[in-house]
Amino acid sequence: MPHSAQHLRDPHLVRRVNQLYHELTRDSFDTEHEQRFTVERPFWELVGDVALKSRLPRAPKEVARLEARLVIDLCCGTGFVTETLGRKMSGRDRIMAMDLSEAPLNTTVRKWSQHSAARVDRPRLIRVATDAQRLPLADNRADLVAINASLHHVPSPQVVLGEVDRILRPGGFFALGFEPNRTFFSSRPLRGFSTSLSRVSWYLSPRQNRRRLIQLTDRWGRQGKGAFRRTRLRPGGPPEADVLAELMNERLLNEGLIADPMSSTGLLDLVDCHARGGEEGGGFQPLELIRHSMPDYFAYLFESSDYLGETGRRWPRVRQLVDATLRMIAPEHGSLFSWLLRKPSPDGGHGV
């Protein structure tokens, strides 16, 4: 069994690797994922319109009659979903940003303050550093729980879904966005085409070529000066894979979580433990997730997307056209899937 595959069995290591990775990359995360946020934002705006905006008061006197809503942005990262959903909420509402690490939460709070400073009726932001598998909330408290592209990072996704079900009130919504679809990644032709397209795009990318040039310059400058070794991150830019691996290995060794240093590939397998590091091609079977954890939920929206893989996000209009066309031909074969579910009410309905 490969070294990284053995470590996938250790949930404590997976948790700590994800914590370290997102702490060390938080400063460059938004820049590196700018294209991703552009194509994902419409989904989360739709979630806000369906789950939140319909309950906004139509007149000032109606505000007092509305109960304060609680929205959970679980595994919030640097606050992209927190900010997007916050625009759909009133001043009586609360939005709770939850993440495993304090560092991304600091970024979320800073961005929230900048983007909502001019709003008189902005909802209250609450930050909570916690494990998604053990949420510090009572049962039936949340009106909406949102998870964006993060379920594949946690050691036990089914445990997280169980926690979501526990804290969600009857009639509440659960939005899961852009998780890897096993149907796509277990298909050799689909996965091969996506990998080839990504490889071509990587070699043609000005940003990647500039990064490779910097790496070569650094290596040439260190010839004759000992082994190539950097222990600091490049200010203002994303950490290189070898630097990131070195920093993470140093901490993992000191904490006794590993006995020998791991490769950058092995560490990334742990970061994306149910995607690139998973079995059967990686990813989830979305219908299996629902049937196992939320069989009675009502599906407001369920779709697969990104049929061209991650590379298609570089050309949003092309991606949109390809996705719309292929959904009619193979509706469950996109590389990612998203859903908006609603928890049933005690009377058998789905709330108001």
Protein backbone atom coordinates (compact mmCIF):
# COMPACT_ATOMS: atom_id res chain seq x y z
CA MET A 1 0.00 0.00 0.00
CA PRO A 2 1.38 3.48 -0.88
CA HIS A 3 2.71 5.56 1.97
CA SER A 4 -0.01 8.22 1.63
CA ALA A 5 -2.77 5.59 1.34
CA GLN A 6 -1.74 4.19 4.74
CA HIS A 7 -2.03 7.66 6.27
CA LEU A 8 -5.54 8.10 4.86
CA ARG A 9 -6.67 5.72 7.61
CA ASP A 10 -5.55 8.17 10.31
CA PRO A 11 -8.24 10.86 10.78
CA HIS A 12 -6.08 12.86 13.20
CA LEU A 13 -3.33 13.20 10.60
CA VAL A 14 -5.80 14.13 7.84
CA ARG A 15 -7.31 16.77 10.10
CA ARG A 16 -3.93 18.24 11.06
CA VAL A 17 -2.59 18.24 7.48
CA ASN A 18 -5.68 20.13 6.31
CA GLN A 19 -5.32 22.57 9.18
CA LEU A 20 -1.68 23.29 8.36
CA TYR A 21 -2.26 23.49 4.62
CA HIS A 22 -5.05 26.05 4.86
CA GLU A 23 -3.18 28.10 7.45
CA LEU A 24 -0.07 28.30 5.26
CA THR A 25 -1.95 29.11 2.05
CA ARG A 26 -4.56 31.52 3.38
CA ASP A 27 -2.77 34.70 2.18
CA SER A 28 -2.76 33.55 -1.44
CA PHE A 29 -5.99 31.55 -1.40
CA ASP A 30 -8.30 34.21 -2.82
CA THR A 31 -5.90 35.13 -5.61
CA GLU A 32 -5.29 31.52 -6.59
CA HIS A 33 -9.03 30.75 -6.59
CA GLU A 34 -10.33 33.93 -8.18
CA GLN A 35 -11.65 32.07 -11.23
CA ARG A 36 -13.28 29.47 -9.03
CA PHE A 37 -15.16 32.09 -7.02
CA THR A 38 -16.35 33.78 -10.23
CA VAL A 39 -18.07 30.64 -11.52
CA GLU A 40 -19.31 29.47 -8.11
CA ARG A 41 -20.86 32.75 -6.99
CA PRO A 42 -24.10 32.39 -9.05
CA PHE A 43 -24.91 29.11 -7.30
CA TRP A 44 -24.52 30.65 -3.86
CA GLU A 45 -26.51 33.72 -4.86
CA LEU A 46 -29.29 31.35 -5.97
CA VAL A 47 -29.06 29.54 -2.62
CA GLY A 48 -29.45 32.87 -0.85
CA ASP A 49 -32.44 33.84 -2.98
CA VAL A 50 -34.24 30.54 -2.37
CA ALA A 51 -33.34 29.94 1.28
CA LEU A 52 -33.01 33.47 2.64
CA LYS A 53 -34.17 36.36 0.50
CA SER A 54 -37.78 35.18 0.38
CA ARG A 55 -38.03 35.81 4.11
CA LEU A 56 -36.68 39.35 4.11
CA PRO A 57 -39.25 41.85 5.51
CA ARG A 58 -41.20 43.83 2.95
CA ALA A 59 -41.75 46.75 5.29
CA PRO A 60 -39.95 48.05 8.43
CA LYS A 61 -42.87 47.08 10.70
CA GLU A 62 -42.51 43.45 9.61
CA VAL A 63 -38.97 43.17 11.01
CA ALA A 64 -40.16 42.77 14.60
CA ARG A 65 -42.35 39.82 13.64
CA LEU A 66 -39.52 37.86 12.04
CA GLU A 67 -37.43 35.46 14.06
CA ALA A 68 -33.68 35.93 13.80
CA ARG A 69 -32.24 33.39 11.38
CA LEU A 70 -29.01 31.48 11.90
CA VAL A 71 -26.89 30.62 8.87
CA ILE A 72 -23.85 28.35 9.19
CA ASP A 73 -20.97 28.62 6.72
CA LEU A 74 -19.23 25.38 7.58
CA CYS A 75 -15.56 25.05 6.57
CA CYS A 76 -15.77 28.71 5.60
CA GLY A 77 -12.15 29.14 4.49
CA THR A 78 -11.51 32.82 3.73
CA GLY A 79 -15.19 33.75 3.73
CA PHE A 80 -16.34 33.67 0.11
CA VAL A 81 -19.70 32.06 0.95
CA THR A 82 -20.01 34.03 4.19
CA GLU A 83 -19.82 37.27 2.23
CA THR A 84 -22.16 36.08 -0.55
CA LEU A 85 -24.92 34.82 1.76
CA GLY A 86 -24.51 37.77 4.10
CA ARG A 87 -25.82 40.08 1.38
CA LYS A 88 -29.13 38.21 1.45
CA MET A 89 -29.63 38.56 5.20
CA SER A 90 -31.14 41.24 7.42
CA GLY A 91 -29.80 42.95 10.52
CA ARG A 92 -31.71 40.60 12.83
CA ASP A 93 -29.94 37.55 11.41
CA ARG A 94 -26.72 35.85 12.44
CA ILE A 95 -24.19 34.15 10.22
CA MET A 96 -21.74 31.80 11.88
CA ALA A 97 -18.43 31.24 10.06
CA MET A 98 -16.89 27.94 11.14
CA ASP A 99 -13.49 26.57 10.22
CA LEU A 100 -10.91 24.21 11.61
CA SER A 101 -8.22 26.91 11.78
CA GLU A 102 -8.05 30.36 13.32
CA ALA A 103 -5.98 31.82 10.48
CA PRO A 104 -8.66 31.55 7.74
CA LEU A 105 -11.23 32.85 10.23
CA ASN A 106 -9.10 35.96 10.73
CA THR A 107 -9.22 36.54 6.98
CA THR A 108 -12.99 35.98 6.92
CA VAL A 109 -13.58 38.53 9.68
CA ARG A 110 -11.31 41.10 8.03
CA LYS A 111 -13.04 40.74 4.66
CA TRP A 112 -16.46 40.85 6.30
CA SER A 113 -15.60 44.12 8.01
CA GLN A 114 -14.38 45.66 4.77
CA HIS A 115 -17.29 44.57 2.58
CA SER A 116 -20.14 45.23 5.01
CA ALA A 117 -18.88 48.34 6.78
CA ALA A 118 -21.35 50.60 4.96
CA ARG A 119 -24.39 48.42 5.79
CA VAL A 120 -26.55 49.62 8.63
CA ASP A 121 -28.59 46.42 8.68
CA ARG A 122 -25.79 43.91 8.28
CA PRO A 123 -26.24 40.58 10.07
CA ARG A 124 -24.09 39.69 13.02
CA LEU A 125 -21.01 37.62 12.19
CA ILE A 126 -19.92 34.96 14.69
CA ARG A 127 -16.60 33.16 14.25
CA VAL A 128 -16.08 29.66 15.60
CA ALA A 129 -12.97 27.51 15.27
CA THR A 130 -14.21 23.93 15.39
CA ASP A 131 -14.08 20.50 13.81
CA ALA A 132 -16.95 20.02 11.32
CA GLN A 133 -17.39 16.51 12.74
CA ARG A 134 -18.26 17.88 16.21
CA LEU A 135 -20.29 21.07 15.94
CA PRO A 136 -20.80 23.07 19.17
CA LEU A 137 -24.51 23.74 18.52
CA ALA A 138 -27.73 22.41 19.98
CA ASP A 139 -30.16 20.41 17.86
CA ASN A 140 -32.52 22.13 15.39
CA ARG A 141 -30.87 25.55 15.51
CA ALA A 142 -29.79 26.48 11.97
CA ASP A 143 -31.98 27.79 9.16
CA LEU A 144 -29.33 27.18 6.50
CA VAL A 145 -26.09 25.22 6.53
CA ALA A 146 -23.66 25.82 3.66
CA ILE A 147 -20.56 23.84 2.73
CA ASN A 148 -18.57 24.90 -0.31
CA ALA A 149 -15.99 22.55 -1.86
CA SER A 150 -14.89 21.27 1.55
CA LEU A 151 -16.62 17.97 2.33
CA HIS A 152 -13.89 16.04 0.51
CA HIS A 153 -11.31 17.44 2.95
CA VAL A 154 -12.79 15.92 6.11
CA PRO A 155 -11.88 12.39 7.27
CA SER A 156 -15.50 11.25 7.79
CA PRO A 157 -17.99 13.00 5.45
CA GLN A 158 -20.91 10.92 6.72
CA VAL A 159 -20.26 12.17 10.26
CA VAL A 160 -20.35 15.77 9.00
CA LEU A 161 -23.65 15.16 7.20
CA GLY A 162 -25.03 13.66 10.39
CA GLU A 163 -24.04 16.81 12.27
CA VAL A 164 -25.66 18.99 9.61
CA ASP A 165 -28.88 17.02 9.96
CA ARG A 166 -28.73 17.34 13.74
CA ILE A 167 -28.32 21.13 13.90
CA LEU A 168 -30.66 21.96 11.01
CA ARG A 169 -34.18 22.93 12.07
CA PRO A 170 -37.17 21.26 10.40
CA GLY A 171 -37.81 23.12 7.17
CA GLY A 172 -34.22 24.37 7.07
CA PHE A 173 -31.94 24.22 4.03
CA PHE A 174 -28.65 22.46 3.38
CA ALA A 175 -26.52 23.67 0.46
CA LEU A 176 -23.49 21.68 -0.66
CA GLY A 177 -21.48 23.17 -3.45
CA PHE A 178 -18.92 21.85 -5.94
CA GLU A 179 -17.82 18.52 -4.57
CA PRO A 180 -15.92 15.97 -6.73
CA ASN A 181 -18.21 13.56 -8.56
CA ARG A 182 -17.04 9.94 -8.52
CA THR A 183 -19.00 9.18 -11.70
CA PHE A 184 -16.68 11.55 -13.55
CA PHE A 185 -13.39 10.60 -11.90
CA SER A 186 -13.98 6.85 -12.13
CA SER A 187 -14.44 7.19 -15.90
CA ARG A 188 -11.06 6.80 -17.59
CA PRO A 189 -12.03 8.69 -20.78
CA LEU A 190 -13.58 11.64 -18.92
CA ARG A 191 -10.75 11.86 -16.39
CA GLY A 192 -8.12 11.46 -19.10
CA PHE A 193 -9.57 14.24 -21.23
CA SER A 194 -9.78 16.58 -18.24
CA THR A 195 -6.18 15.78 -17.22
CA SER A 196 -4.90 16.38 -20.74
CA LEU A 197 -6.74 19.67 -21.02
CA SER A 198 -5.44 20.76 -17.63
CA ARG A 199 -1.87 19.85 -18.60
CA VAL A 200 -2.03 21.84 -21.84
CA SER A 201 -3.53 24.82 -20.02
CA TRP A 202 -0.85 24.61 -17.33
CA TYR A 203 1.98 24.75 -19.88
CA LEU A 204 0.34 27.69 -21.68
CA SER A 205 -0.51 29.66 -18.54
CA PRO A 206 1.45 32.95 -18.19
CA ARG A 207 1.19 32.71 -14.39
CA GLN A 208 2.59 29.18 -14.30
CA ASN A 209 5.35 30.02 -16.77
CA ARG A 210 6.33 33.01 -14.66
CA ARG A 211 6.36 30.78 -11.58
CA ARG A 212 8.49 28.15 -13.32
CA LEU A 213 10.93 30.85 -14.44
CA ILE A 214 11.27 32.06 -10.86
CA GLN A 215 11.90 28.51 -9.68
CA LEU A 216 14.61 27.97 -12.30
CA THR A 217 16.23 31.27 -11.39
CA ASP A 218 16.23 30.32 -7.73
CA ARG A 219 17.80 26.95 -8.50
CA TRP A 220 20.50 28.41 -10.74
CA GLY A 221 21.31 31.03 -8.13
CA ARG A 222 21.90 28.34 -5.53
CA GLN A 223 24.16 26.10 -7.57
CA GLY A 224 27.34 25.46 -5.64
CA LYS A 225 25.76 26.76 -2.43
CA GLY A 226 24.51 23.51 -0.99
CA ALA A 227 21.21 21.73 -1.39
CA PHE A 228 18.24 23.68 -2.67
CA ARG A 229 16.31 24.63 0.44
CA ARG A 230 13.88 27.43 1.29
CA THR A 231 12.27 27.78 4.67
CA ARG A 232 10.18 30.94 4.07
CA LEU A 233 7.13 31.52 1.97
CA ARG A 234 7.38 33.99 -0.91
CA PRO A 235 5.75 37.27 0.27
CA GLY A 236 2.51 38.04 -1.57
CA GLY A 237 2.55 34.83 -3.59
CA PRO A 238 1.50 31.23 -3.21
CA PRO A 239 3.95 28.93 -1.44
CA GLU A 240 5.82 26.58 -3.75
CA ALA A 241 5.07 22.88 -3.30
CA ASP A 242 8.52 22.01 -1.94
CA VAL A 243 8.44 24.89 0.57
CA LEU A 244 4.96 23.99 1.71
CA ALA A 245 5.89 20.31 2.10
CA GLU A 246 9.00 21.21 4.08
CA LEU A 247 7.10 23.43 6.51
CA MET A 248 4.30 20.91 6.97
CA ASN A 249 6.69 17.98 7.45
CA GLU A 250 8.64 19.91 10.04
CA ARG A 251 5.54 20.49 12.16
CA LEU A 252 4.13 16.98 11.67
CA LEU A 253 7.45 15.41 12.70
CA ASN A 254 7.73 17.66 15.77
CA GLU A 255 4.17 16.73 16.79
CA GLY A 256 4.88 13.01 16.36
CA LEU A 257 2.15 12.49 13.76
CA ILE A 258 4.56 11.02 11.19
CA ALA A 259 7.83 9.12 11.53
CA ASP A 260 9.32 10.12 8.17
CA PRO A 261 8.86 13.16 5.90
CA MET A 262 6.12 12.85 3.30
CA SER A 263 6.31 13.98 -0.31
CA SER A 264 4.33 17.00 -1.47
CA THR A 265 2.13 14.63 -3.49
CA GLY A 266 1.43 12.49 -0.43
CA LEU A 267 0.52 15.54 1.63
CA LEU A 268 -1.86 16.84 -1.02
CA ASP A 269 -3.49 13.41 -1.12
CA LEU A 270 -4.27 13.92 2.55
CA VAL A 271 -5.57 17.46 1.98
CA ASP A 272 -7.99 16.19 -0.68
CA CYS A 273 -8.49 12.89 1.08
CA HIS A 274 -11.76 12.04 -0.72
CA ALA A 275 -10.75 13.46 -4.08
CA ARG A 276 -7.24 12.94 -5.43
CA GLY A 277 -6.30 10.80 -2.46
CA GLY A 278 -9.46 8.72 -2.45
CA GLU A 279 -10.23 5.26 -3.74
CA GLU A 280 -12.24 4.30 -6.85
CA GLY A 281 -11.08 7.38 -8.73
CA GLY A 282 -11.91 9.76 -5.90
CA GLY A 283 -14.97 11.83 -5.19
CA PHE A 284 -18.46 10.96 -3.97
CA GLN A 285 -21.54 9.32 -5.34
CA PRO A 286 -23.95 12.16 -4.47
CA LEU A 287 -27.15 10.11 -4.46
CA GLU A 288 -25.53 7.62 -2.10
CA LEU A 289 -24.67 10.44 0.29
CA ILE A 290 -28.27 11.63 0.34
CA ARG A 291 -29.80 8.16 0.66
CA HIS A 292 -27.48 7.29 3.54
CA SER A 293 -27.68 10.51 5.59
CA MET A 294 -30.69 12.54 4.41
CA PRO A 295 -33.16 10.19 2.69
CA ASP A 296 -36.25 12.26 3.55
CA TYR A 297 -34.89 15.62 2.40
CA PHE A 298 -36.49 17.44 -0.51
CA ALA A 299 -34.16 18.39 -3.37
CA TYR A 300 -34.68 21.96 -4.57
CA LEU A 301 -31.62 21.79 -6.81
CA PHE A 302 -29.30 19.02 -7.86
CA GLU A 303 -26.84 19.40 -10.72
CA SER A 304 -23.42 18.37 -11.93
CA SER A 305 -21.10 20.88 -13.55
CA ASP A 306 -17.57 21.44 -14.84
CA TYR A 307 -17.66 18.75 -17.51
CA LEU A 308 -14.31 20.06 -18.76
CA GLY A 309 -12.77 19.74 -15.32
CA GLU A 310 -11.16 22.59 -13.44
CA THR A 311 -9.53 23.99 -16.58
CA GLY A 312 -12.90 24.98 -18.04
CA ARG A 313 -13.22 27.64 -15.35
CA ARG A 314 -10.62 29.71 -17.16
CA TRP A 315 -13.25 30.36 -19.83
CA PRO A 316 -16.56 30.93 -17.96
CA ARG A 317 -18.71 31.34 -21.07
CA VAL A 318 -17.30 28.21 -22.70
CA ARG A 319 -17.77 26.33 -19.43
CA GLN A 320 -21.36 27.53 -19.17
CA LEU A 321 -22.18 26.47 -22.75
CA VAL A 322 -20.51 23.06 -22.41
CA ASP A 323 -22.17 22.38 -19.06
CA ALA A 324 -25.62 23.35 -20.34
CA THR A 325 -25.22 21.11 -23.39
CA LEU A 326 -23.78 18.05 -21.65
CA ARG A 327 -26.30 18.17 -18.80
CA MET A 328 -28.96 17.27 -21.37
CA ILE A 329 -26.89 14.33 -22.64
CA ALA A 330 -25.25 13.05 -19.44
CA PRO A 331 -26.86 14.88 -16.51
CA GLU A 332 -24.81 13.16 -13.76
CA HIS A 333 -21.36 13.10 -15.37
CA GLY A 334 -19.87 16.51 -14.56
CA SER A 335 -16.67 16.59 -12.54
CA LEU A 336 -18.42 18.43 -9.69
CA PHE A 337 -21.89 18.32 -8.18
CA SER A 338 -23.94 20.74 -6.08
CA TRP A 339 -27.26 20.53 -4.30
CA LEU A 340 -29.78 22.47 -2.26
CA LEU A 341 -31.85 20.26 0.05
CA ARG A 342 -34.58 21.02 2.55
CA LYS A 343 -35.22 19.15 5.77
CA PRO A 344 -38.80 17.94 6.18
CA SER A 345 -41.08 19.51 8.76
CA PRO A 346 -42.89 17.45 11.44
CA ASP A 347 -46.16 17.73 9.49
CA GLY A 348 -44.50 16.05 6.49
CA GLY A 349 -44.03 19.27 4.59
CA HIS A 350 -40.94 21.32 3.86
CA GLY A 351 -41.60 24.41 5.87
CA VAL A 352 -42.65 27.82 4.63
